[in-house]
């Protein structure tokens, strides 16, 4: 029998999913990348605010590396964990200090605390197939740039570099995130 959007799995399945997701979070904080990647048969991240996809071991490892160079102390505070028919949904605060370049944006030394939601999507065989993340990039950038001391001329130079870096990071959205369709059971 095929599972539908209304068929919530058993408590055992929900508990197993939640354990996997919480282990995933813990291993990210510990920079235990092999352990994090082992939670997926095929690692796949979708960052909705930037419309980027990191697909496969190499791309996801590059994503981990670049974010931890920018924010070596990146951590989280979980707000809530919820369950759906095919996902574990985690609301959390992501926190960290901007110590290295974030793409072309130079480090500001600023701390950030941004509320996020991550959907950990499972297939019909209970394999984690995607982590889809939603957050407000403007809130993060305001906190990072707000850390600059605008009375110091060097900070103005850093602000210009940060704005140029941000502008240079503009790229075409990943088409996999743009070509969506209404599920058949929701069409009129």
C-alpha atoms as a PDB file:
ATOM      1  CA  UNK A   1       0.000   0.000   0.000  1.00  0.00           C
ATOM      2  CA  UNK A   2       1.298   3.449  -0.914  1.00  0.00           C
ATOM      3  CA  UNK A   3       1.640   5.969   1.871  1.00  0.00           C
ATOM      4  CA  UNK A   4      -0.298   9.225   1.431  1.00  0.00           C
ATOM      5  CA  UNK A   5       0.202  12.682   2.918  1.00  0.00           C
ATOM      6  CA  UNK A   6      -2.379  11.781   5.583  1.00  0.00           C
ATOM      7  CA  UNK A   7      -0.743   8.551   6.751  1.00  0.00           C
ATOM      8  CA  UNK A   8       1.382   9.412   9.771  1.00  0.00           C
ATOM      9  CA  UNK A   9       3.919   6.648  10.468  1.00  0.00           C
ATOM     10  CA  UNK A  10       3.996   4.693  13.709  1.00  0.00           C
ATOM     11  CA  UNK A  11       5.520   6.125  16.869  1.00  0.00           C
ATOM     12  CA  UNK A  12       8.574   3.866  16.418  1.00  0.00           C
ATOM     13  CA  UNK A  13       9.200   5.291  12.947  1.00  0.00           C
ATOM     14  CA  UNK A  14       8.772   8.884  14.168  1.00  0.00           C
ATOM     15  CA  UNK A  15      11.147   8.270  17.080  1.00  0.00           C
ATOM     16  CA  UNK A  16      13.743   6.698  14.757  1.00  0.00           C
ATOM     17  CA  UNK A  17      13.490   9.659  12.359  1.00  0.00           C
ATOM     18  CA  UNK A  18      13.822  12.128  15.216  1.00  0.00           C
ATOM     19  CA  UNK A  19      16.897  10.344  16.601  1.00  0.00           C
ATOM     20  CA  UNK A  20      18.540  10.401  13.169  1.00  0.00           C
ATOM     21  CA  UNK A  21      17.809  14.133  12.775  1.00  0.00           C
ATOM     22  CA  UNK A  22      19.044  15.051  16.250  1.00  0.00           C
ATOM     23  CA  UNK A  23      22.210  12.971  15.720  1.00  0.00           C
ATOM     24  CA  UNK A  24      22.642  14.827  12.408  1.00  0.00           C
ATOM     25  CA  UNK A  25      22.415  18.196  14.233  1.00  0.00           C
ATOM     26  CA  UNK A  26      24.853  17.073  16.947  1.00  0.00           C
ATOM     27  CA  UNK A  27      27.380  15.750  14.424  1.00  0.00           C
ATOM     28  CA  UNK A  28      27.257  19.030  12.457  1.00  0.00           C
ATOM     29  CA  UNK A  29      28.213  20.984  15.588  1.00  0.00           C
ATOM     30  CA  UNK A  30      31.038  18.505  16.237  1.00  0.00           C
ATOM     31  CA  UNK A  31      32.205  18.791  12.590  1.00  0.00           C
ATOM     32  CA  UNK A  32      31.862  14.995  12.326  1.00  0.00           C
ATOM     33  CA  UNK A  33      31.163  15.198   8.599  1.00  0.00           C
ATOM     34  CA  UNK A  34      31.394  11.477   7.850  1.00  0.00           C
ATOM     35  CA  UNK A  35      28.769  10.836  10.531  1.00  0.00           C
ATOM     36  CA  UNK A  36      26.509  13.602   9.205  1.00  0.00           C
ATOM     37  CA  UNK A  37      26.802  12.298   5.658  1.00  0.00           C
ATOM     38  CA  UNK A  38      26.020   8.760   6.812  1.00  0.00           C
ATOM     39  CA  UNK A  39      22.487   9.926   7.694  1.00  0.00           C
ATOM     40  CA  UNK A  40      21.737  10.150   3.943  1.00  0.00           C
ATOM     41  CA  UNK A  41      22.045   7.456   1.272  1.00  0.00           C
ATOM     42  CA  UNK A  42      22.745  10.437  -1.046  1.00  0.00           C
ATOM     43  CA  UNK A  43      23.450  13.812   0.651  1.00  0.00           C
ATOM     44  CA  UNK A  44      21.192  16.585  -0.625  1.00  0.00           C
ATOM     45  CA  UNK A  45      20.670  20.087   0.789  1.00  0.00           C
ATOM     46  CA  UNK A  46      18.317  22.743  -0.555  1.00  0.00           C
ATOM     47  CA  UNK A  47      18.812  26.299   0.737  1.00  0.00           C
ATOM     48  CA  UNK A  48      15.608  28.060  -0.200  1.00  0.00           C
ATOM     49  CA  UNK A  49      16.627  31.680   0.615  1.00  0.00           C
ATOM     50  CA  UNK A  50      19.554  31.499  -1.797  1.00  0.00           C
ATOM     51  CA  UNK A  51      17.879  29.016  -4.185  1.00  0.00           C
ATOM     52  CA  UNK A  52      20.959  26.800  -4.104  1.00  0.00           C
ATOM     53  CA  UNK A  53      21.289  23.035  -4.053  1.00  0.00           C
ATOM     54  CA  UNK A  54      24.228  21.025  -2.733  1.00  0.00           C
ATOM     55  CA  UNK A  55      23.859  17.533  -4.142  1.00  0.00           C
ATOM     56  CA  UNK A  56      26.124  14.583  -3.502  1.00  0.00           C
ATOM     57  CA  UNK A  57      29.007  13.940  -1.155  1.00  0.00           C
ATOM     58  CA  UNK A  58      31.530  16.332  -2.730  1.00  0.00           C
ATOM     59  CA  UNK A  59      29.146  19.309  -3.016  1.00  0.00           C
ATOM     60  CA  UNK A  60      27.840  18.850   0.523  1.00  0.00           C
ATOM     61  CA  UNK A  61      31.371  18.573   1.946  1.00  0.00           C
ATOM     62  CA  UNK A  62      32.276  21.803   0.130  1.00  0.00           C
ATOM     63  CA  UNK A  63      29.181  23.450   1.630  1.00  0.00           C
ATOM     64  CA  UNK A  64      30.153  22.257   5.127  1.00  0.00           C
ATOM     65  CA  UNK A  65      33.729  23.469   4.660  1.00  0.00           C
ATOM     66  CA  UNK A  66      32.791  26.938   3.393  1.00  0.00           C
ATOM     67  CA  UNK A  67      30.206  27.553   6.119  1.00  0.00           C
ATOM     68  CA  UNK A  68      32.581  26.436   8.886  1.00  0.00           C
ATOM     69  CA  UNK A  69      35.411  28.586   7.521  1.00  0.00           C
ATOM     70  CA  UNK A  70      32.996  31.533   7.732  1.00  0.00           C
ATOM     71  CA  UNK A  71      31.476  30.460  11.075  1.00  0.00           C
ATOM     72  CA  UNK A  72      33.822  28.024  12.871  1.00  0.00           C
ATOM     73  CA  UNK A  73      31.750  28.146  16.069  1.00  0.00           C
ATOM     74  CA  UNK A  74      28.412  27.592  14.321  1.00  0.00           C
ATOM     75  CA  UNK A  75      25.885  26.040  16.675  1.00  0.00           C
ATOM     76  CA  UNK A  76      22.132  25.850  17.146  1.00  0.00           C
ATOM     77  CA  UNK A  77      19.411  26.073  19.753  1.00  0.00           C
ATOM     78  CA  UNK A  78      16.459  23.845  18.925  1.00  0.00           C
ATOM     79  CA  UNK A  79      13.083  25.498  19.447  1.00  0.00           C
ATOM     80  CA  UNK A  80      10.786  22.639  18.431  1.00  0.00           C
ATOM     81  CA  UNK A  81      10.703  19.349  16.552  1.00  0.00           C
ATOM     82  CA  UNK A  82       7.560  18.383  14.651  1.00  0.00           C
ATOM     83  CA  UNK A  83       6.569  15.394  12.547  1.00  0.00           C
ATOM     84  CA  UNK A  84       4.633  15.011   9.310  1.00  0.00           C
ATOM     85  CA  UNK A  85       3.824  12.035   7.116  1.00  0.00           C
ATOM     86  CA  UNK A  86       7.165  12.275   5.311  1.00  0.00           C
ATOM     87  CA  UNK A  87       9.352  14.706   7.287  1.00  0.00           C
ATOM     88  CA  UNK A  88      10.796  15.851  10.569  1.00  0.00           C
ATOM     89  CA  UNK A  89      10.482  19.630  10.816  1.00  0.00           C
ATOM     90  CA  UNK A  90      12.926  21.409  13.112  1.00  0.00           C
ATOM     91  CA  UNK A  91      12.655  25.038  14.165  1.00  0.00           C
ATOM     92  CA  UNK A  92      15.915  26.346  15.600  1.00  0.00           C
ATOM     93  CA  UNK A  93      18.172  29.322  16.135  1.00  0.00           C
ATOM     94  CA  UNK A  94      21.412  29.119  14.167  1.00  0.00           C
ATOM     95  CA  UNK A  95      24.187  31.021  15.899  1.00  0.00           C
ATOM     96  CA  UNK A  96      27.814  31.772  15.169  1.00  0.00           C
ATOM     97  CA  UNK A  97      30.582  34.325  14.718  1.00  0.00           C
ATOM     98  CA  UNK A  98      31.741  35.573  11.305  1.00  0.00           C
ATOM     99  CA  UNK A  99      35.473  34.715  11.541  1.00  0.00           C
ATOM    100  CA  UNK A 100      36.263  33.842   7.912  1.00  0.00           C
ATOM    101  CA  UNK A 101      35.069  34.798   4.445  1.00  0.00           C
ATOM    102  CA  UNK A 102      31.472  33.954   3.568  1.00  0.00           C
ATOM    103  CA  UNK A 103      31.917  33.532  -0.154  1.00  0.00           C
ATOM    104  CA  UNK A 104      33.232  36.929  -1.230  1.00  0.00           C
ATOM    105  CA  UNK A 105      32.080  38.676   1.974  1.00  0.00           C
ATOM    106  CA  UNK A 106      35.048  39.347   4.280  1.00  0.00           C
ATOM    107  CA  UNK A 107      34.725  38.427   7.967  1.00  0.00           C
ATOM    108  CA  UNK A 108      33.148  41.121  10.134  1.00  0.00           C
ATOM    109  CA  UNK A 109      33.653  39.461  13.513  1.00  0.00           C
ATOM    110  CA  UNK A 110      29.917  39.840  14.067  1.00  0.00           C
ATOM    111  CA  UNK A 111      27.764  37.299  15.859  1.00  0.00           C
ATOM    112  CA  UNK A 112      24.487  36.201  14.386  1.00  0.00           C
ATOM    113  CA  UNK A 113      21.404  34.460  15.715  1.00  0.00           C
ATOM    114  CA  UNK A 114      18.868  33.631  13.024  1.00  0.00           C
ATOM    115  CA  UNK A 115      15.658  31.647  13.345  1.00  0.00           C
ATOM    116  CA  UNK A 116      15.441  28.819  10.815  1.00  0.00           C
ATOM    117  CA  UNK A 117      13.270  25.913   9.816  1.00  0.00           C
ATOM    118  CA  UNK A 118      14.669  22.721   8.307  1.00  0.00           C
ATOM    119  CA  UNK A 119      12.592  19.995   6.702  1.00  0.00           C
ATOM    120  CA  UNK A 120      14.274  16.595   6.863  1.00  0.00           C
ATOM    121  CA  UNK A 121      12.406  14.703   4.139  1.00  0.00           C
ATOM    122  CA  UNK A 122      12.195  10.899   4.127  1.00  0.00           C
ATOM    123  CA  UNK A 123      11.271   8.568   1.269  1.00  0.00           C
ATOM    124  CA  UNK A 124       8.923   5.570   1.439  1.00  0.00           C
ATOM    125  CA  UNK A 125      11.828   3.393   2.681  1.00  0.00           C
ATOM    126  CA  UNK A 126      12.574   5.787   5.583  1.00  0.00           C
ATOM    127  CA  UNK A 127      15.768   7.092   3.981  1.00  0.00           C
ATOM    128  CA  UNK A 128      16.621  10.731   4.578  1.00  0.00           C
ATOM    129  CA  UNK A 129      16.624  12.185   1.065  1.00  0.00           C
ATOM    130  CA  UNK A 130      16.794  15.940   1.624  1.00  0.00           C
ATOM    131  CA  UNK A 131      17.428  18.675   4.153  1.00  0.00           C
ATOM    132  CA  UNK A 132      15.493  21.732   2.974  1.00  0.00           C
ATOM    133  CA  UNK A 133      16.326  24.904   4.909  1.00  0.00           C
ATOM    134  CA  UNK A 134      14.377  28.154   5.181  1.00  0.00           C
ATOM    135  CA  UNK A 135      15.720  31.324   6.826  1.00  0.00           C
ATOM    136  CA  UNK A 136      15.856  35.084   6.441  1.00  0.00           C
ATOM    137  CA  UNK A 137      19.187  36.073   4.887  1.00  0.00           C
ATOM    138  CA  UNK A 138      18.568  39.778   5.499  1.00  0.00           C
ATOM    139  CA  UNK A 139      18.394  39.197   9.269  1.00  0.00           C
ATOM    140  CA  UNK A 140      21.744  37.419   9.165  1.00  0.00           C
ATOM    141  CA  UNK A 141      23.423  40.032   6.958  1.00  0.00           C
ATOM    142  CA  UNK A 142      22.115  42.895   9.115  1.00  0.00           C
ATOM    143  CA  UNK A 143      23.686  41.267  12.173  1.00  0.00           C
ATOM    144  CA  UNK A 144      27.012  40.588  10.456  1.00  0.00           C
ATOM    145  CA  UNK A 145      27.341  44.051   8.921  1.00  0.00           C
ATOM    146  CA  UNK A 146      25.929  45.694  12.052  1.00  0.00           C
ATOM    147  CA  UNK A 147      28.986  44.425  13.926  1.00  0.00           C
ATOM    148  CA  UNK A 148      31.194  46.873  12.041  1.00  0.00           C
ATOM    149  CA  UNK A 149      32.298  50.033  13.863  1.00  0.00           C
ATOM    150  CA  UNK A 150      31.322  52.764  11.404  1.00  0.00           C
ATOM    151  CA  UNK A 151      33.388  55.358  13.295  1.00  0.00           C
ATOM    152  CA  UNK A 152      36.488  53.463  12.221  1.00  0.00           C
ATOM    153  CA  UNK A 153      37.405  54.198   8.556  1.00  0.00           C
ATOM    154  CA  UNK A 154      38.644  50.615   8.158  1.00  0.00           C
ATOM    155  CA  UNK A 155      35.107  49.420   8.828  1.00  0.00           C
ATOM    156  CA  UNK A 156      33.808  51.545   5.964  1.00  0.00           C
ATOM    157  CA  UNK A 157      36.345  49.876   3.684  1.00  0.00           C
ATOM    158  CA  UNK A 158      35.202  46.477   4.987  1.00  0.00           C
ATOM    159  CA  UNK A 159      31.552  47.458   4.407  1.00  0.00           C
ATOM    160  CA  UNK A 160      32.305  48.334   0.781  1.00  0.00           C
ATOM    161  CA  UNK A 161      34.125  45.005   0.357  1.00  0.00           C
ATOM    162  CA  UNK A 162      31.189  43.183   1.979  1.00  0.00           C
ATOM    163  CA  UNK A 163      28.651  44.862  -0.314  1.00  0.00           C
ATOM    164  CA  UNK A 164      30.788  44.142  -3.385  1.00  0.00           C
ATOM    165  CA  UNK A 165      31.211  40.563  -2.198  1.00  0.00           C
ATOM    166  CA  UNK A 166      27.486  40.193  -1.711  1.00  0.00           C
ATOM    167  CA  UNK A 167      26.808  41.581  -5.193  1.00  0.00           C
ATOM    168  CA  UNK A 168      29.357  39.186  -6.718  1.00  0.00           C
ATOM    169  CA  UNK A 169      27.647  36.201  -5.097  1.00  0.00           C
ATOM    170  CA  UNK A 170      24.479  36.760  -7.106  1.00  0.00           C
ATOM    171  CA  UNK A 171      23.950  33.792  -9.369  1.00  0.00           C
ATOM    172  CA  UNK A 172      21.157  32.119 -11.222  1.00  0.00           C
ATOM    173  CA  UNK A 173      18.790  30.138  -9.001  1.00  0.00           C
ATOM    174  CA  UNK A 174      19.053  26.373  -9.194  1.00  0.00           C
ATOM    175  CA  UNK A 175      16.318  25.334 -11.659  1.00  0.00           C
ATOM    176  CA  UNK A 176      15.472  22.287  -9.524  1.00  0.00           C
ATOM    177  CA  UNK A 177      14.036  24.704  -6.970  1.00  0.00           C
ATOM    178  CA  UNK A 178      12.092  26.715  -9.546  1.00  0.00           C
ATOM    179  CA  UNK A 179      10.358  23.973 -11.510  1.00  0.00           C
ATOM    180  CA  UNK A 180       7.714  23.025  -8.988  1.00  0.00           C
ATOM    181  CA  UNK A 181       4.210  21.782  -9.603  1.00  0.00           C
ATOM    182  CA  UNK A 182       1.028  21.410  -7.623  1.00  0.00           C
ATOM    183  CA  UNK A 183       0.664  17.840  -6.320  1.00  0.00           C
ATOM    184  CA  UNK A 184      -1.965  15.891  -8.272  1.00  0.00           C
ATOM    185  CA  UNK A 185      -4.239  15.452  -5.245  1.00  0.00           C
ATOM    186  CA  UNK A 186      -4.330  19.231  -4.700  1.00  0.00           C
ATOM    187  CA  UNK A 187      -5.141  20.293  -8.255  1.00  0.00           C
ATOM    188  CA  UNK A 188      -8.586  21.702  -8.996  1.00  0.00           C
END
